[in-house]
Amino acid sequence: NYQDLLPRPDDCILLIEVAESSLEFDTSGMARRYAIAGIPEYWVLDILHARVLVHRRPEAGSYREVVAHPGGASFISPALGGGAIRVDDILVA
């Protein structure tokens, strides 16, 4: 019940940021914070470059796996049960 209690990092399996003017901050400062908190999967929707930056495997304050998926591509999300995610479906204007 989040009316009485704020979510904690261990309540989150995936965080998504939409970056239009905040790409540098989202891929450095926010990524570090989320990695320290142990968020297992973090996506940055890079609007200007039409891609999704997928961060996984948080360890020692950074993500050990960061993959850029361009428009037209698909990727698998373990956080969402292993289903394929189409980049174009989540970057729709």
C-alpha atoms as a PDB file:
ATOM      1  CA  ASN A   1       0.000   0.000   0.000  1.00  0.00           C
ATOM      2  CA  TYR A   2       1.856   3.087  -1.241  1.00  0.00           C
ATOM      3  CA  GLN A   3      -0.654   5.502   0.285  1.00  0.00           C
ATOM      4  CA  ASP A   4       1.009   5.021   3.658  1.00  0.00           C
ATOM      5  CA  LEU A   5       4.515   3.955   2.649  1.00  0.00           C
ATOM      6  CA  LEU A   6       6.779   5.031  -0.208  1.00  0.00           C
ATOM      7  CA  PRO A   7       8.222   2.300  -2.433  1.00  0.00           C
ATOM      8  CA  ARG A   8      11.713   1.089  -1.584  1.00  0.00           C
ATOM      9  CA  PRO A   9      14.400   0.056  -4.093  1.00  0.00           C
ATOM     10  CA  ASP A  10      13.691  -3.628  -3.484  1.00  0.00           C
ATOM     11  CA  ASP A  11      10.076  -2.988  -4.567  1.00  0.00           C
ATOM     12  CA  CYS A  12      11.298  -1.983  -8.047  1.00  0.00           C
ATOM     13  CA  ILE A  13      12.283  -4.387 -10.802  1.00  0.00           C
ATOM     14  CA  LEU A  14      12.529  -1.743 -13.520  1.00  0.00           C
ATOM     15  CA  LEU A  15      12.875   2.041 -13.689  1.00  0.00           C
ATOM     16  CA  ILE A  16      12.374   4.060 -16.869  1.00  0.00           C
ATOM     17  CA  GLU A  17      13.547   7.630 -17.489  1.00  0.00           C
ATOM     18  CA  VAL A  18      12.493   9.676 -20.516  1.00  0.00           C
ATOM     19  CA  ALA A  19      15.447  11.800 -21.596  1.00  0.00           C
ATOM     20  CA  GLU A  20      15.107  14.657 -24.008  1.00  0.00           C
ATOM     21  CA  SER A  21      17.332  17.288 -22.405  1.00  0.00           C
ATOM     22  CA  SER A  22      18.613  15.210 -19.461  1.00  0.00           C
ATOM     23  CA  LEU A  23      20.455  12.388 -21.252  1.00  0.00           C
ATOM     24  CA  GLU A  24      23.865  13.032 -19.688  1.00  0.00           C
ATOM     25  CA  PHE A  25      22.441  13.217 -16.164  1.00  0.00           C
ATOM     26  CA  ASP A  26      20.199  10.180 -16.664  1.00  0.00           C
ATOM     27  CA  THR A  27      23.084   8.029 -17.947  1.00  0.00           C
ATOM     28  CA  SER A  28      25.563   9.129 -15.290  1.00  0.00           C
ATOM     29  CA  GLY A  29      24.121  10.529 -12.057  1.00  0.00           C
ATOM     30  CA  MET A  30      20.790   8.727 -12.082  1.00  0.00           C
ATOM     31  CA  ALA A  31      22.306   5.475 -13.338  1.00  0.00           C
ATOM     32  CA  ARG A  32      24.794   5.554 -10.471  1.00  0.00           C
ATOM     33  CA  ARG A  33      22.051   6.180  -7.905  1.00  0.00           C
ATOM     34  CA  TYR A  34      19.905   3.363  -9.243  1.00  0.00           C
ATOM     35  CA  ALA A  35      22.868   0.963  -9.390  1.00  0.00           C
ATOM     36  CA  ILE A  36      23.771   1.756  -5.778  1.00  0.00           C
ATOM     37  CA  ALA A  37      20.134   1.109  -4.816  1.00  0.00           C
ATOM     38  CA  GLY A  38      20.304  -2.254  -6.606  1.00  0.00           C
ATOM     39  CA  ILE A  39      17.624  -1.580  -9.232  1.00  0.00           C
ATOM     40  CA  PRO A  40      18.081  -4.621 -11.514  1.00  0.00           C
ATOM     41  CA  GLU A  41      17.058  -2.977 -14.790  1.00  0.00           C
ATOM     42  CA  TYR A  42      17.052   0.698 -15.791  1.00  0.00           C
ATOM     43  CA  TRP A  43      16.008   2.060 -19.179  1.00  0.00           C
ATOM     44  CA  VAL A  44      16.701   5.507 -20.571  1.00  0.00           C
ATOM     45  CA  LEU A  45      14.410   6.447 -23.454  1.00  0.00           C
ATOM     46  CA  ASP A  46      16.724   8.649 -25.517  1.00  0.00           C
ATOM     47  CA  ILE A  47      14.205  10.694 -27.473  1.00  0.00           C
ATOM     48  CA  LEU A  48      16.716  12.725 -29.518  1.00  0.00           C
ATOM     49  CA  HIS A  49      18.563   9.661 -30.834  1.00  0.00           C
ATOM     50  CA  ALA A  50      15.480   7.396 -31.062  1.00  0.00           C
ATOM     51  CA  ARG A  51      16.959   4.603 -28.948  1.00  0.00           C
ATOM     52  CA  VAL A  52      16.604   2.873 -25.608  1.00  0.00           C
ATOM     53  CA  LEU A  53      19.635   2.506 -23.357  1.00  0.00           C
ATOM     54  CA  VAL A  54      19.161  -0.607 -21.238  1.00  0.00           C
ATOM     55  CA  HIS A  55      21.219  -0.859 -18.050  1.00  0.00           C
ATOM     56  CA  ARG A  56      21.511  -4.197 -16.220  1.00  0.00           C
ATOM     57  CA  ARG A  57      23.623  -5.991 -13.617  1.00  0.00           C
ATOM     58  CA  PRO A  58      24.150  -3.294 -10.967  1.00  0.00           C
ATOM     59  CA  GLU A  59      27.405  -3.741  -9.081  1.00  0.00           C
ATOM     60  CA  ALA A  60      29.593  -1.415  -7.032  1.00  0.00           C
ATOM     61  CA  GLY A  61      27.714   1.746  -8.032  1.00  0.00           C
ATOM     62  CA  SER A  62      27.478   1.147 -11.771  1.00  0.00           C
ATOM     63  CA  TYR A  63      25.761  -1.094 -14.278  1.00  0.00           C
ATOM     64  CA  ARG A  64      27.985  -3.809 -15.741  1.00  0.00           C
ATOM     65  CA  GLU A  65      25.817  -4.114 -18.841  1.00  0.00           C
ATOM     66  CA  VAL A  66      24.636  -1.118 -20.875  1.00  0.00           C
ATOM     67  CA  VAL A  67      23.243  -1.724 -24.353  1.00  0.00           C
ATOM     68  CA  ALA A  68      21.834   0.832 -26.816  1.00  0.00           C
ATOM     69  CA  HIS A  69      18.879  -0.458 -28.830  1.00  0.00           C
ATOM     70  CA  PRO A  70      18.039   1.739 -31.858  1.00  0.00           C
ATOM     71  CA  GLY A  71      14.652   2.342 -33.392  1.00  0.00           C
ATOM     72  CA  GLY A  72      13.490  -0.715 -35.319  1.00  0.00           C
ATOM     73  CA  ALA A  73      15.230  -3.105 -32.906  1.00  0.00           C
ATOM     74  CA  SER A  74      13.815  -5.352 -30.212  1.00  0.00           C
ATOM     75  CA  PHE A  75      15.295  -6.532 -26.935  1.00  0.00           C
ATOM     76  CA  ILE A  76      14.457  -8.997 -24.197  1.00  0.00           C
ATOM     77  CA  SER A  77      13.609  -7.728 -20.723  1.00  0.00           C
ATOM     78  CA  PRO A  78      14.205 -10.198 -17.873  1.00  0.00           C
ATOM     79  CA  ALA A  79      12.453  -7.703 -15.572  1.00  0.00           C
ATOM     80  CA  LEU A  80       9.279  -8.082 -17.615  1.00  0.00           C
ATOM     81  CA  GLY A  81       9.348 -11.864 -17.771  1.00  0.00           C
ATOM     82  CA  GLY A  82      11.651 -12.258 -20.766  1.00  0.00           C
ATOM     83  CA  GLY A  83       9.265 -10.929 -23.371  1.00  0.00           C
ATOM     84  CA  ALA A  84      10.496  -9.080 -26.444  1.00  0.00           C
ATOM     85  CA  ILE A  85      10.155  -5.295 -26.349  1.00  0.00           C
ATOM     86  CA  ARG A  86      10.025  -3.357 -29.622  1.00  0.00           C
ATOM     87  CA  VAL A  87      11.846  -0.038 -29.344  1.00  0.00           C
ATOM     88  CA  ASP A  88       9.416   1.612 -31.747  1.00  0.00           C
ATOM     89  CA  ASP A  89       6.493   0.632 -29.500  1.00  0.00           C
ATOM     90  CA  ILE A  90       7.884   2.553 -26.529  1.00  0.00           C
ATOM     91  CA  LEU A  91       9.293   5.543 -28.422  1.00  0.00           C
ATOM     92  CA  VAL A  92       6.036   6.395 -30.167  1.00  0.00           C
ATOM     93  CA  ALA A  93       5.565  10.173 -30.278  1.00  0.00           C
END
